[in-house]
Amino acid sequence: MSDEKNLSDDLNDMLGDAKEGAKKTADKAGDFAEEAKEKAKEFASEAKDSANEFAEGAKEAFEGENKKLVCGIVAILIGSLGIHKFILGYTKEGIIQLIASIVTCGIAGIIPFIEGIIYLTKSDEEFYNTYQVGKKGWF
């Protein structure tokens, strides 16, 4: 009987130790979860700020006063379609560029490539005054 009592006491001690260990682990997991929740909130806040900053920059680039960078890159990459002209508000010139590229099987695409380089090498103020205020359609 004494052996059964000792075995029962040992089992109760082990059960108590297991409960205590489980409680400590649960507490640590709770602390970890709380910390992860705080980090997630910080990350979400930073991501939201970054997204807002990017949106403002994109809006400024596409709708802002000076469209130099957008027009220059578009002219170099897909200028044959005349999109850079449409961005600047030159509908007639954009249509002419598109038709010229089709008629010449793309050879007229050299014109917007050169224009893109010209756009990007001008200062912001010079580009704005020449192409947006002065409405110079070509080169």
Protein backbone atom coordinates (compact mmCIF):
# COMPACT_ATOMS: atom_id res chain seq x y z
CA MET A 1 0.00 0.00 0.00
CA SER A 2 2.85 2.27 0.77
CA ASP A 3 4.17 1.86 -2.76
CA GLU A 4 0.79 2.82 -4.19
CA LYS A 5 0.70 5.89 -1.97
CA ASN A 6 4.19 6.91 -3.06
CA LEU A 7 3.25 6.33 -6.69
CA SER A 8 0.08 8.38 -6.24
CA ASP A 9 2.05 11.18 -4.57
CA ASP A 10 4.63 11.08 -7.38
CA LEU A 11 1.90 11.25 -10.00
CA ASN A 12 0.23 14.17 -8.22
CA ASP A 13 3.58 15.97 -8.01
CA MET A 14 4.23 15.39 -11.72
CA LEU A 15 0.71 16.55 -12.58
CA GLY A 16 1.25 19.70 -10.49
CA ASP A 17 4.59 20.33 -12.21
CA ALA A 18 2.98 19.84 -15.64
CA LYS A 19 0.19 22.28 -14.77
CA GLU A 20 2.72 24.82 -13.52
CA GLY A 21 4.85 24.39 -16.66
CA ALA A 22 1.78 24.75 -18.88
CA LYS A 23 0.75 27.92 -17.03
CA LYS A 24 4.24 29.45 -17.47
CA THR A 25 4.23 28.53 -21.16
CA ALA A 26 0.75 30.00 -21.61
CA ASP A 27 1.87 33.21 -19.91
CA LYS A 28 4.93 33.43 -22.17
CA ALA A 29 2.76 32.77 -25.24
CA GLY A 30 0.35 35.49 -24.13
CA ASP A 31 3.22 37.95 -23.71
CA PHE A 32 4.61 36.97 -27.11
CA ALA A 33 1.17 37.39 -28.73
CA GLU A 34 0.75 40.82 -27.16
CA GLU A 35 4.19 41.87 -28.37
CA ALA A 36 3.42 40.55 -31.86
CA LYS A 37 0.14 42.47 -31.85
CA GLU A 38 1.94 45.72 -30.99
CA LYS A 39 4.57 45.10 -33.70
CA ALA A 40 1.80 44.40 -36.23
CA LYS A 41 0.10 47.69 -35.32
CA GLU A 42 3.39 49.55 -35.75
CA PHE A 43 4.03 47.85 -39.09
CA ALA A 44 0.50 48.62 -40.30
CA SER A 45 0.93 52.25 -39.33
CA GLU A 46 4.27 52.49 -41.12
CA ALA A 47 2.85 50.72 -44.19
CA LYS A 48 -0.09 53.11 -44.27
CA ASP A 49 2.25 56.11 -44.03
CA SER A 50 4.44 54.71 -46.82
CA ALA A 51 1.41 54.03 -49.02
CA ASN A 52 0.12 57.56 -48.48
CA GLU A 53 3.53 59.00 -49.27
CA PHE A 54 3.76 56.90 -52.45
CA ALA A 55 0.23 57.90 -53.49
CA GLU A 56 1.03 61.58 -53.01
CA GLY A 57 4.23 61.21 -55.03
CA ALA A 58 2.44 59.36 -57.82
CA LYS A 59 -0.35 61.91 -57.85
CA GLU A 60 2.20 64.70 -58.06
CA ALA A 61 4.07 62.93 -60.87
CA PHE A 62 0.96 62.27 -62.96
CA GLU A 63 -1.18 65.27 -62.10
CA GLY A 64 1.36 67.77 -60.89
CA GLU A 65 2.45 70.93 -62.55
CA ASN A 66 5.58 69.44 -64.07
CA LYS A 67 5.25 66.22 -66.05
CA LYS A 68 8.86 66.08 -67.22
CA LEU A 69 9.90 62.75 -65.73
CA VAL A 70 6.72 60.90 -66.72
CA CYS A 71 6.75 62.24 -70.29
CA GLY A 72 10.47 61.63 -70.74
CA ILE A 73 10.30 57.98 -69.64
CA VAL A 74 7.11 57.27 -71.59
CA ALA A 75 8.58 58.91 -74.71
CA ILE A 76 11.71 56.76 -74.52
CA LEU A 77 9.95 53.47 -73.75
CA ILE A 78 6.70 53.61 -75.76
CA GLY A 79 6.94 56.89 -77.60
CA SER A 80 5.77 55.39 -80.90
CA LEU A 81 2.25 55.34 -79.48
CA GLY A 82 2.35 59.10 -78.85
CA ILE A 83 1.25 58.72 -75.22
CA HIS A 84 3.73 61.34 -74.02
CA LYS A 85 2.01 63.85 -76.29
CA PHE A 86 -1.41 62.99 -74.86
CA ILE A 87 -0.04 63.39 -71.31
CA LEU A 88 1.10 66.91 -72.19
CA GLY A 89 -2.30 67.67 -73.74
CA TYR A 90 -1.14 67.60 -77.38
CA THR A 91 -3.91 65.48 -78.92
CA LYS A 92 -3.18 66.41 -82.53
CA GLU A 93 0.56 65.73 -82.17
CA GLY A 94 -0.14 62.43 -80.38
CA ILE A 95 -2.35 61.22 -83.24
CA ILE A 96 0.25 62.35 -85.81
CA GLN A 97 2.97 60.43 -83.92
CA LEU A 98 0.83 57.28 -83.78
CA ILE A 99 -0.04 57.42 -87.49
CA ALA A 100 3.58 58.17 -88.47
CA SER A 101 4.77 55.16 -86.48
CA ILE A 102 2.22 52.89 -88.15
CA VAL A 103 2.91 54.19 -91.66
CA THR A 104 6.71 53.90 -91.28
CA CYS A 105 6.52 50.51 -89.50
CA GLY A 106 7.99 52.02 -86.34
CA ILE A 107 10.87 53.94 -87.89
CA ALA A 108 9.25 57.22 -86.82
CA GLY A 109 9.73 55.94 -83.25
CA ILE A 110 13.13 57.62 -83.27
CA ILE A 111 11.39 61.00 -82.91
CA PRO A 112 9.84 60.32 -79.48
CA PHE A 113 13.07 58.64 -78.35
CA ILE A 114 14.95 61.88 -79.09
CA GLU A 115 12.14 63.92 -77.50
CA GLY A 116 12.35 61.81 -74.35
CA ILE A 117 16.07 62.48 -74.05
CA ILE A 118 15.46 66.20 -74.63
CA TYR A 119 12.69 66.23 -71.99
CA LEU A 120 14.91 64.57 -69.40
CA THR A 121 17.94 66.78 -70.05
CA LYS A 122 16.02 70.05 -69.67
CA SER A 123 15.68 71.62 -66.24
CA ASP A 124 12.28 71.34 -64.60
CA GLU A 125 11.60 75.02 -65.06
CA GLU A 126 12.73 75.01 -68.70
CA PHE A 127 10.59 71.95 -69.49
CA TYR A 128 7.56 73.45 -67.78
CA ASN A 129 7.91 76.79 -69.58
CA THR A 130 8.59 75.23 -73.00
CA TYR A 131 6.15 72.32 -73.18
CA GLN A 132 3.43 73.02 -70.64
CA VAL A 133 3.14 76.80 -70.69
CA GLY A 134 4.53 77.52 -74.18
CA LYS A 135 2.79 74.46 -75.71
CA LYS A 136 5.69 73.64 -78.04
CA GLY A 137 4.44 70.46 -79.77
CA TRP A 138 7.63 69.07 -81.30
CA PHE A 139 11.22 68.98 -80.07
